[in-house]
């Protein structure tokens, strides 16, 4: 019997896409043991925005969360999303920090590290891939899927061959905007399967309404694993529903390995949780709708909402359509980067700036200047030279890999600054990734512990 396996995203990408990652550990703990019995290929539980949100908004230690999930899900491969040289932040980090972060992720319970780069620059993936393999985890290398004159089938296949030579354990087609069409999915999966002997994982979003069809055509071409979300947290800017695809594939004669009773229990568990987020406004019903504009502008759902909120905060909501039209123009000027964190923020913000100023590139942020200097890596196509020169104003672009210019004592300096505040290597890495946010979390942690001590003494 043909086999297709499932990666469940409800604890990471599904909740990130629909409720801005505001799912605390307390709300997931009761269902973890059921998830562990469901027969998933893997469960995506960490990485992406979870790390930042745990510290910033949920007052949770992300490392402790991972250890607890590991404890309750001993039989399921736990997976995380890593932004290559960016780790889980929004800038590049030195190689030794990337290596430490990967090692600690594996030590705390991660089995599969899906590694991507916003520019599909192989140089930004090498260190993380190498360390994941050395640490005993599977490095699942992701193609950030996009469409442009330079993103051809041949180019993607060439990238996949390079990744295979680096020792990755699987290839993921990461379609963050939901723009991978069924026929293109078939062609891409078939080409990858012809080029390398590796499992192919498909990841997409329901933003444009294509996802279910895209998965079926990809599976027809030989895809091995698909990312899905349990139904209450599926659809819209999230992934397709786990149960729907389970029933469909079973009827078509595929072995999914899923336990029907377990996934139905999961759906029942998450229904009232979703209702609570709808009631308090955390889950915006717009996130559950289909928006086909992404097929025209290639803007992921989260980026659309960011554009809207940026313009609203500036009392310029009437400029939304202009910003939509400007976004692909800026993307072309910048060498056709895939629109995924952090490039989606860079391109979207600049499109808004251009529209509001009434003059293109009159106002340019520090991040876009860094991009033009080459700090984010090699762009898919050359940046428009006239615009780059205008932005850099005589400054020369980098001629070496940016990470090679970074200091090699970042960890030691952070450790020294934190002193006794950092109780372990993981604390130091949290601080390096998000300094102010981590310091605030450490202070709250200390205050909470002192409160417990005072209460205990009083009770005694």
Protein backbone atom coordinates (compact mmCIF):
# COMPACT_ATOMS: atom_id res chain seq x y z
CA UNK A 1 0.00 0.00 0.00
CA UNK A 2 1.25 3.50 -0.85
CA UNK A 3 2.20 5.57 2.19
CA UNK A 4 1.81 9.28 2.93
CA UNK A 5 2.60 10.58 6.41
CA UNK A 6 1.44 13.68 8.29
CA UNK A 7 3.17 16.43 10.26
CA UNK A 8 0.76 18.11 12.69
CA UNK A 9 1.20 21.90 12.96
CA UNK A 10 -1.40 22.91 15.57
CA UNK A 11 1.19 23.59 18.27
CA UNK A 12 3.32 25.85 16.07
CA UNK A 13 2.45 27.09 12.58
CA UNK A 14 -1.32 26.68 12.79
CA UNK A 15 -1.56 28.63 16.04
CA UNK A 16 1.04 31.11 14.77
CA UNK A 17 -0.96 31.70 11.60
CA UNK A 18 -4.37 32.06 13.22
CA UNK A 19 -3.85 33.36 16.77
CA UNK A 20 -0.39 34.97 16.58
CA UNK A 21 1.13 32.03 18.52
CA UNK A 22 -0.84 32.88 21.68
CA UNK A 23 -1.32 29.24 22.68
CA UNK A 24 0.14 28.78 26.18
CA UNK A 25 1.53 25.47 27.32
CA UNK A 26 -1.33 25.06 29.81
CA UNK A 27 -3.83 24.81 26.94
CA UNK A 28 -1.86 22.18 25.03
CA UNK A 29 -0.70 19.94 27.87
CA UNK A 30 -3.98 17.98 28.34
CA UNK A 31 -3.97 16.78 24.71
CA UNK A 32 -0.27 15.96 24.28
CA UNK A 33 -0.54 12.30 25.25
CA UNK A 34 -3.38 11.82 22.77
CA UNK A 35 -1.27 13.50 20.07
CA UNK A 36 1.55 11.15 20.95
CA UNK A 37 -0.69 8.19 20.11
CA UNK A 38 -2.03 9.65 16.85
CA UNK A 39 0.66 8.16 14.59
CA UNK A 40 2.08 11.37 13.14
CA UNK A 41 5.32 11.39 11.17
CA UNK A 42 6.21 14.39 13.35
CA UNK A 43 4.67 17.19 15.37
CA UNK A 44 5.86 20.72 14.73
CA UNK A 45 6.03 22.18 18.21
CA UNK A 46 8.78 24.80 18.35
CA UNK A 47 10.71 27.44 16.44
CA UNK A 48 9.29 30.13 14.20
CA UNK A 49 7.66 32.78 16.38
CA UNK A 50 7.05 30.48 19.38
CA UNK A 51 10.36 31.38 21.02
CA UNK A 52 9.81 35.15 20.92
CA UNK A 53 6.12 34.91 21.91
CA UNK A 54 6.81 32.59 24.87
CA UNK A 55 9.21 35.11 26.36
CA UNK A 56 7.45 38.32 25.30
CA UNK A 57 3.76 37.58 25.80
CA UNK A 58 3.19 34.23 27.53
CA UNK A 59 5.81 34.56 30.28
CA UNK A 60 7.06 31.05 29.52
CA UNK A 61 10.58 29.73 29.13
CA UNK A 62 10.56 28.28 25.57
CA UNK A 63 13.22 25.72 26.50
CA UNK A 64 11.15 24.50 29.45
CA UNK A 65 8.09 24.27 27.20
CA UNK A 66 10.02 22.06 24.80
CA UNK A 67 11.22 19.78 27.59
CA UNK A 68 7.66 19.37 28.89
CA UNK A 69 6.32 18.53 25.43
CA UNK A 70 9.11 15.98 25.02
CA UNK A 71 8.14 14.38 28.31
CA UNK A 72 4.50 13.98 27.24
CA UNK A 73 5.27 12.92 23.66
CA UNK A 74 8.10 10.38 23.95
CA UNK A 75 7.07 8.38 20.87
CA UNK A 76 6.63 11.21 18.35
CA UNK A 77 9.36 13.03 16.47
CA UNK A 78 9.34 16.66 17.57
CA UNK A 79 10.08 19.24 14.90
CA UNK A 80 11.08 22.90 14.86
CA UNK A 81 11.47 25.65 12.26
CA UNK A 82 14.86 27.41 12.12
CA UNK A 83 15.66 30.45 9.98
CA UNK A 84 19.15 29.30 9.06
CA UNK A 85 21.75 31.90 10.00
CA UNK A 86 18.93 34.00 11.54
CA UNK A 87 18.14 31.18 14.02
CA UNK A 88 14.81 32.38 15.47
CA UNK A 89 15.49 36.11 15.32
CA UNK A 90 15.50 38.65 12.53
CA UNK A 91 19.21 39.18 11.90
CA UNK A 92 22.24 37.01 11.20
CA UNK A 93 24.19 35.49 14.08
CA UNK A 94 27.79 34.23 14.22
CA UNK A 95 28.40 30.59 13.32
CA UNK A 96 29.22 29.53 16.88
CA UNK A 97 25.86 30.86 18.10
CA UNK A 98 24.03 28.98 15.34
CA UNK A 99 25.86 25.79 16.33
CA UNK A 100 25.12 26.25 20.04
CA UNK A 101 21.46 26.91 19.36
CA UNK A 102 21.10 23.81 17.21
CA UNK A 103 22.88 21.63 19.79
CA UNK A 104 20.70 22.95 22.62
CA UNK A 105 17.53 22.44 20.59
CA UNK A 106 18.42 18.79 20.06
CA UNK A 107 19.49 18.36 23.68
CA UNK A 108 16.13 19.68 24.88
CA UNK A 109 14.08 17.35 22.69
CA UNK A 110 14.05 18.28 18.98
CA UNK A 111 14.36 15.43 16.45
CA UNK A 112 13.81 17.23 13.13
CA UNK A 113 15.03 20.75 12.32
CA UNK A 114 13.42 22.29 9.26
CA UNK A 115 15.94 24.86 8.08
CA UNK A 116 15.15 27.59 5.58
CA UNK A 117 16.59 30.85 4.34
CA UNK A 118 14.50 33.76 3.16
CA UNK A 119 16.70 34.17 0.07
CA UNK A 120 17.30 30.45 -0.55
CA UNK A 121 20.99 31.25 -0.12
CA UNK A 122 22.78 27.94 0.48
CA UNK A 123 25.52 29.78 2.39
CA UNK A 124 22.96 30.71 5.04
CA UNK A 125 21.93 27.07 5.52
CA UNK A 126 25.27 25.26 5.66
CA UNK A 127 26.22 25.77 9.31
CA UNK A 128 22.78 24.91 10.71
CA UNK A 129 22.49 21.83 8.49
CA UNK A 130 25.96 20.62 9.41
CA UNK A 131 25.37 21.07 13.15
CA UNK A 132 21.95 19.42 13.04
CA UNK A 133 23.46 16.33 11.39
CA UNK A 134 26.40 16.31 13.83
CA UNK A 135 23.97 16.56 16.76
CA UNK A 136 21.99 13.52 15.66
CA UNK A 137 18.90 15.34 14.40
CA UNK A 138 17.43 15.22 10.92
CA UNK A 139 18.14 18.34 8.91
CA UNK A 140 15.08 18.92 6.74
CA UNK A 141 16.13 21.59 4.26
CA UNK A 142 13.37 23.84 2.97
CA UNK A 143 12.97 25.59 -0.35
CA UNK A 144 11.22 28.92 0.22
CA UNK A 145 8.83 28.63 -2.70
CA UNK A 146 8.04 31.67 -4.79
CA UNK A 147 7.38 32.62 -8.39
CA UNK A 148 9.52 35.01 -10.42
CA UNK A 149 11.48 35.09 -13.69
CA UNK A 150 14.52 33.68 -11.86
CA UNK A 151 12.76 31.01 -9.79
CA UNK A 152 12.64 28.25 -12.35
CA UNK A 153 12.17 24.51 -11.95
CA UNK A 154 15.80 24.04 -12.97
CA UNK A 155 16.96 26.49 -10.30
CA UNK A 156 15.02 24.70 -7.57
CA UNK A 157 16.37 21.30 -8.66
CA UNK A 158 19.92 22.68 -8.66
CA UNK A 159 19.39 23.94 -5.09
CA UNK A 160 18.01 20.56 -4.00
CA UNK A 161 21.08 18.76 -5.37
CA UNK A 162 23.35 21.08 -3.36
CA UNK A 163 21.30 20.44 -0.23
CA UNK A 164 21.45 16.67 -0.74
CA UNK A 165 25.23 16.89 -1.02
CA UNK A 166 25.28 18.63 2.37
CA UNK A 167 23.70 15.58 4.03
CA UNK A 168 20.11 16.71 4.64
CA UNK A 169 17.59 14.00 5.50
CA UNK A 170 14.61 15.38 3.58
CA UNK A 171 13.56 18.22 1.30
CA UNK A 172 10.63 20.46 2.23
CA UNK A 173 8.76 22.61 -0.29
CA UNK A 174 7.83 25.57 1.93
CA UNK A 175 4.94 27.45 0.31
CA UNK A 176 4.40 30.18 2.88
CA UNK A 177 1.96 32.23 0.76
CA UNK A 178 -0.22 29.37 -0.50
CA UNK A 179 0.65 30.17 -4.12
CA UNK A 180 1.91 26.74 -5.18
CA UNK A 181 -0.63 25.60 -7.76
CA UNK A 182 -1.57 21.92 -8.20
CA UNK A 183 0.21 21.53 -11.55
CA UNK A 184 3.35 23.32 -10.36
CA UNK A 185 3.32 21.13 -7.24
CA UNK A 186 3.19 18.00 -9.38
CA UNK A 187 6.02 19.22 -11.61
CA UNK A 188 8.23 20.35 -8.72
CA UNK A 189 7.78 17.20 -6.61
CA UNK A 190 8.38 14.98 -9.65
CA UNK A 191 11.54 16.90 -10.57
CA UNK A 192 12.91 16.69 -7.01
CA UNK A 193 12.16 12.96 -6.77
CA UNK A 194 13.98 12.43 -10.08
CA UNK A 195 16.97 14.48 -8.92
CA UNK A 196 17.61 13.11 -5.41
CA UNK A 197 16.76 10.03 -3.37
CA UNK A 198 15.24 11.85 -0.40
CA UNK A 199 11.76 12.12 1.15
CA UNK A 200 9.83 15.18 -0.04
CA UNK A 201 7.73 17.11 2.48
CA UNK A 202 5.04 19.55 1.37
CA UNK A 203 4.11 22.64 3.39
CA UNK A 204 1.48 25.14 2.32
CA UNK A 205 -1.29 27.40 3.62
CA UNK A 206 -4.97 27.63 2.70
CA UNK A 207 -4.74 31.38 2.10
CA UNK A 208 -5.61 31.20 -1.61
CA UNK A 209 -7.85 28.12 -1.50
CA UNK A 210 -5.43 25.90 -3.44
CA UNK A 211 -3.96 23.83 -0.62
CA UNK A 212 -6.02 20.62 -0.72
CA UNK A 213 -5.70 20.32 -4.50
CA UNK A 214 -2.02 21.14 -4.34
CA UNK A 215 -1.37 18.41 -1.80
CA UNK A 216 -3.23 15.78 -3.82
CA UNK A 217 -1.25 16.57 -6.98
CA UNK A 218 2.01 16.62 -5.01
CA UNK A 219 1.18 13.22 -3.51
CA UNK A 220 0.38 11.92 -6.98
CA UNK A 221 3.90 12.96 -8.01
CA UNK A 222 5.46 11.15 -5.03
CA UNK A 223 5.41 13.49 -2.02
CA UNK A 224 6.06 11.54 1.19
CA UNK A 225 4.88 13.87 3.99
CA UNK A 226 2.33 16.70 4.21
CA UNK A 227 1.88 19.41 6.84
CA UNK A 228 -1.68 19.60 8.18
CA UNK A 229 -3.52 21.16 11.11
CA UNK A 230 -6.23 19.55 13.21
CA UNK A 231 -9.53 20.94 11.87
CA UNK A 232 -10.40 23.59 14.52
CA UNK A 233 -7.09 25.33 13.74
CA UNK A 234 -7.05 24.67 9.99
CA UNK A 235 -7.99 26.71 6.92
CA UNK A 236 -7.48 30.35 6.04
CA UNK A 237 -3.90 31.36 6.71
CA UNK A 238 -3.28 27.99 8.41
CA UNK A 239 -2.76 24.53 6.89
CA UNK A 240 -5.38 22.13 5.42
CA UNK A 241 -7.34 20.00 7.89
CA UNK A 242 -5.69 16.81 9.13
CA UNK A 243 -8.91 14.77 9.30
CA UNK A 244 -10.11 15.80 5.83
CA UNK A 245 -6.91 14.65 4.19
CA UNK A 246 -6.80 11.52 6.33
CA UNK A 247 -10.26 10.46 5.10
CA UNK A 248 -9.47 11.43 1.50
CA UNK A 249 -6.17 9.57 1.32
CA UNK A 250 -7.54 6.51 3.08
CA UNK A 251 -10.32 6.31 0.49
CA UNK A 252 -7.71 6.59 -2.28
CA UNK A 253 -5.80 3.62 -0.89
CA UNK A 254 -2.99 5.37 0.98
CA UNK A 255 -1.62 4.30 4.36
CA UNK A 256 -1.31 7.43 6.53
CA UNK A 257 -0.35 5.74 9.79
CA UNK A 258 -2.88 7.92 11.64
CA UNK A 259 -5.16 6.68 14.39
CA UNK A 260 -8.67 7.92 13.64
CA UNK A 261 -9.84 7.88 17.25
CA UNK A 262 -6.89 10.01 18.39
CA UNK A 263 -7.28 12.70 15.73
CA UNK A 264 -11.03 12.92 16.41
CA UNK A 265 -10.30 13.38 20.13
CA UNK A 266 -7.83 16.13 19.21
CA UNK A 267 -10.47 17.91 17.13
CA UNK A 268 -12.99 17.72 19.98
CA UNK A 269 -10.40 19.10 22.39
CA UNK A 270 -9.40 22.10 20.27
CA UNK A 271 -12.94 23.17 19.27
CA UNK A 272 -13.73 25.01 22.53
CA UNK A 273 -10.21 26.47 22.58
CA UNK A 274 -10.78 27.97 19.13
CA UNK A 275 -14.18 29.27 20.27
CA UNK A 276 -12.48 31.07 23.16
CA UNK A 277 -10.01 32.80 20.86
CA UNK A 278 -12.85 33.83 18.54
CA UNK A 279 -14.80 35.23 21.46
CA UNK A 280 -11.93 37.33 22.84
CA UNK A 281 -10.89 38.63 19.42
CA UNK A 282 -7.51 36.89 19.28
CA UNK A 283 -8.69 34.88 16.28
CA UNK A 284 -9.80 37.34 13.62
CA UNK A 285 -12.42 35.70 11.38
CA UNK A 286 -10.68 37.33 8.39
CA UNK A 287 -7.77 34.93 8.99
CA UNK A 288 -10.11 32.05 8.19
CA UNK A 289 -11.19 33.40 4.82
CA UNK A 290 -9.80 32.78 1.34
CA UNK A 291 -7.89 35.68 -0.25
CA UNK A 292 -6.95 35.10 -3.88
CA UNK A 293 -5.04 38.39 -4.08
CA UNK A 294 -2.04 36.42 -2.88
CA UNK A 295 -1.97 34.77 -6.31
CA UNK A 296 -1.50 38.19 -7.89
CA UNK A 297 0.76 39.89 -5.36
CA UNK A 298 2.36 36.79 -3.77
CA UNK A 299 1.87 38.31 -0.34
CA UNK A 300 1.44 35.80 2.53
CA UNK A 301 -1.61 36.23 4.74
CA UNK A 302 0.40 37.47 7.71
CA UNK A 303 2.07 40.06 5.53
CA UNK A 304 -1.31 41.30 4.29
CA UNK A 305 -2.48 41.85 7.85
CA UNK A 306 0.82 43.60 8.69
CA UNK A 307 0.37 45.98 5.75
CA UNK A 308 -3.15 46.78 6.92
CA UNK A 309 -2.09 47.37 10.53
CA UNK A 310 0.89 49.53 9.49
CA UNK A 311 -1.32 51.76 7.36
CA UNK A 312 -4.06 51.89 10.01
CA UNK A 313 -1.56 53.01 12.67
CA UNK A 314 -0.51 55.81 10.32
CA UNK A 315 -4.12 56.80 9.54
CA UNK A 316 -3.52 55.80 5.93
CA UNK A 317 -5.80 52.80 5.46
CA UNK A 318 -6.96 54.33 2.18
CA UNK A 319 -3.48 53.65 0.76
CA UNK A 320 -3.82 49.86 1.11
CA UNK A 321 -4.47 49.14 -2.57
CA UNK A 322 -1.53 51.34 -3.60
CA UNK A 323 0.71 49.49 -1.15
CA UNK A 324 -0.46 46.16 -2.58
CA UNK A 325 0.50 47.25 -6.09
CA UNK A 326 3.83 48.69 -4.91
CA UNK A 327 4.91 45.56 -3.03
CA UNK A 328 5.77 43.38 -6.09
CA UNK A 329 7.59 46.36 -7.61
CA UNK A 330 9.81 46.69 -4.54
CA UNK A 331 10.33 42.93 -4.58
CA UNK A 332 11.55 43.10 -8.18
CA UNK A 333 13.88 46.01 -7.33
CA UNK A 334 15.34 43.93 -4.50
CA UNK A 335 16.13 40.88 -6.66
CA UNK A 336 12.88 38.89 -6.28
CA UNK A 337 13.32 37.62 -2.70
CA UNK A 338 10.72 35.09 -1.52
CA UNK A 339 8.31 36.88 0.83
CA UNK A 340 8.92 35.13 4.13
CA UNK A 341 10.34 36.32 7.46
CA UNK A 342 12.34 38.57 7.47
CA UNK A 343 12.22 39.65 3.80
CA UNK A 344 8.42 39.96 3.84
CA UNK A 345 8.72 42.62 6.55
CA UNK A 346 11.49 44.45 4.69
CA UNK A 347 9.64 44.56 1.38
CA UNK A 348 6.22 45.35 2.89
CA UNK A 349 7.54 48.17 5.06
CA UNK A 350 9.36 49.74 2.13
CA UNK A 351 6.28 49.52 -0.08
CA UNK A 352 4.34 51.43 2.59
CA UNK A 353 7.14 54.01 2.88
CA UNK A 354 7.19 54.54 -0.89
CA UNK A 355 3.44 55.06 -1.07
CA UNK A 356 3.25 57.41 1.91
CA UNK A 357 6.23 59.52 0.81
CA UNK A 358 4.93 59.85 -2.74
CA UNK A 359 8.50 59.17 -3.89
CA UNK A 360 10.10 55.77 -4.21
CA UNK A 361 12.96 55.08 -1.75
CA UNK A 362 12.92 58.61 -0.35
CA UNK A 363 12.75 57.08 3.14
CA UNK A 364 14.59 53.79 3.71
CA UNK A 365 14.89 51.82 6.94
CA UNK A 366 18.12 50.45 8.42
CA UNK A 367 17.06 46.87 7.66
CA UNK A 368 16.66 47.49 3.93
CA UNK A 369 20.04 49.24 3.86
CA UNK A 370 21.54 46.16 5.53
CA UNK A 371 19.83 44.00 2.90
CA UNK A 372 21.35 46.10 0.11
CA UNK A 373 24.77 45.83 1.77
CA UNK A 374 24.46 42.06 1.55
CA UNK A 375 23.92 41.32 5.23
CA UNK A 376 21.02 38.98 4.48
CA UNK A 377 22.91 36.99 1.87
CA UNK A 378 22.93 36.52 -1.88
CA UNK A 379 19.74 37.71 -3.56
CA UNK A 380 18.03 35.46 -6.16
CA UNK A 381 18.58 38.12 -8.85
CA UNK A 382 20.78 41.23 -8.69
CA UNK A 383 19.34 44.23 -6.85
CA UNK A 384 18.48 47.10 -9.19
CA UNK A 385 21.89 48.85 -9.26
CA UNK A 386 20.50 52.41 -9.45
CA UNK A 387 18.24 51.86 -6.46
CA UNK A 388 20.95 50.06 -4.49
CA UNK A 389 23.38 52.94 -5.10
CA UNK A 390 20.73 55.45 -4.02
CA UNK A 391 20.05 53.52 -0.80
CA UNK A 392 23.70 52.89 0.07
CA UNK A 393 24.79 56.45 -0.82
CA UNK A 394 28.34 55.50 -1.72
CA UNK A 395 28.76 52.66 0.79
CA UNK A 396 30.17 49.49 -0.78
CA UNK A 397 28.27 46.18 -0.60
CA UNK A 398 29.88 43.25 1.22
CA UNK A 399 32.07 40.94 -0.82
CA UNK A 400 32.16 38.17 1.81
CA UNK A 401 29.59 36.13 3.73
CA UNK A 402 28.19 38.44 6.41
CA UNK A 403 28.44 35.87 9.22
CA UNK A 404 32.22 35.77 8.63
CA UNK A 405 32.44 39.44 9.67
CA UNK A 406 30.67 38.95 13.01
CA UNK A 407 32.51 38.70 16.37
CA UNK A 408 33.39 35.26 17.69
CA UNK A 409 32.93 36.09 21.38
CA UNK A 410 29.21 36.90 21.35
CA UNK A 411 28.31 34.09 23.75
CA UNK A 412 31.07 34.87 26.25
CA UNK A 413 30.19 38.58 26.34
CA UNK A 414 26.50 37.82 26.86
CA UNK A 415 27.34 35.33 29.60
CA UNK A 416 29.52 37.90 31.35
CA UNK A 417 26.86 40.61 31.12
CA UNK A 418 24.11 38.38 32.51
CA UNK A 419 26.19 37.00 35.38
CA UNK A 420 24.08 34.98 37.84
CA UNK A 421 20.89 35.95 36.00
CA UNK A 422 21.70 33.28 33.41
CA UNK A 423 21.29 29.88 35.02
CA UNK A 424 22.25 27.80 32.00
CA UNK A 425 23.45 27.94 28.41
CA UNK A 426 19.85 28.15 27.24
CA UNK A 427 19.29 31.40 29.16
CA UNK A 428 22.29 32.98 27.45
CA UNK A 429 21.00 31.92 24.03
CA UNK A 430 17.56 33.36 24.83
CA UNK A 431 19.24 36.66 25.68
CA UNK A 432 21.34 36.66 22.49
CA UNK A 433 18.24 36.04 20.37
CA UNK A 434 16.02 38.63 22.11
CA UNK A 435 18.05 40.71 24.60
CA UNK A 436 15.45 43.10 26.06
CA UNK A 437 12.64 40.57 25.95
CA UNK A 438 14.76 37.92 27.69
CA UNK A 439 15.94 40.35 30.39
CA UNK A 440 12.34 41.25 31.13
CA UNK A 441 11.42 37.56 31.32
CA UNK A 442 14.33 36.81 33.68
CA UNK A 443 13.21 39.63 35.97
CA UNK A 444 9.62 38.34 36.06
CA UNK A 445 10.92 34.84 36.74
CA UNK A 446 12.99 36.10 39.69
CA UNK A 447 10.06 38.08 41.11
CA UNK A 448 7.73 35.08 40.83
CA UNK A 449 10.22 32.83 42.64
CA UNK A 450 10.73 35.39 45.43
CA UNK A 451 6.97 35.60 45.83
CA UNK A 452 6.75 31.83 46.24
CA UNK A 453 9.53 31.88 48.83
CA UNK A 454 7.80 34.66 50.81
CA UNK A 455 4.50 32.81 50.68
CA UNK A 456 6.14 29.57 51.85
CA UNK A 457 7.83 31.31 54.80
CA UNK A 458 4.55 33.00 55.78
CA UNK A 459 2.65 29.73 55.65
CA UNK A 460 5.29 27.99 57.74
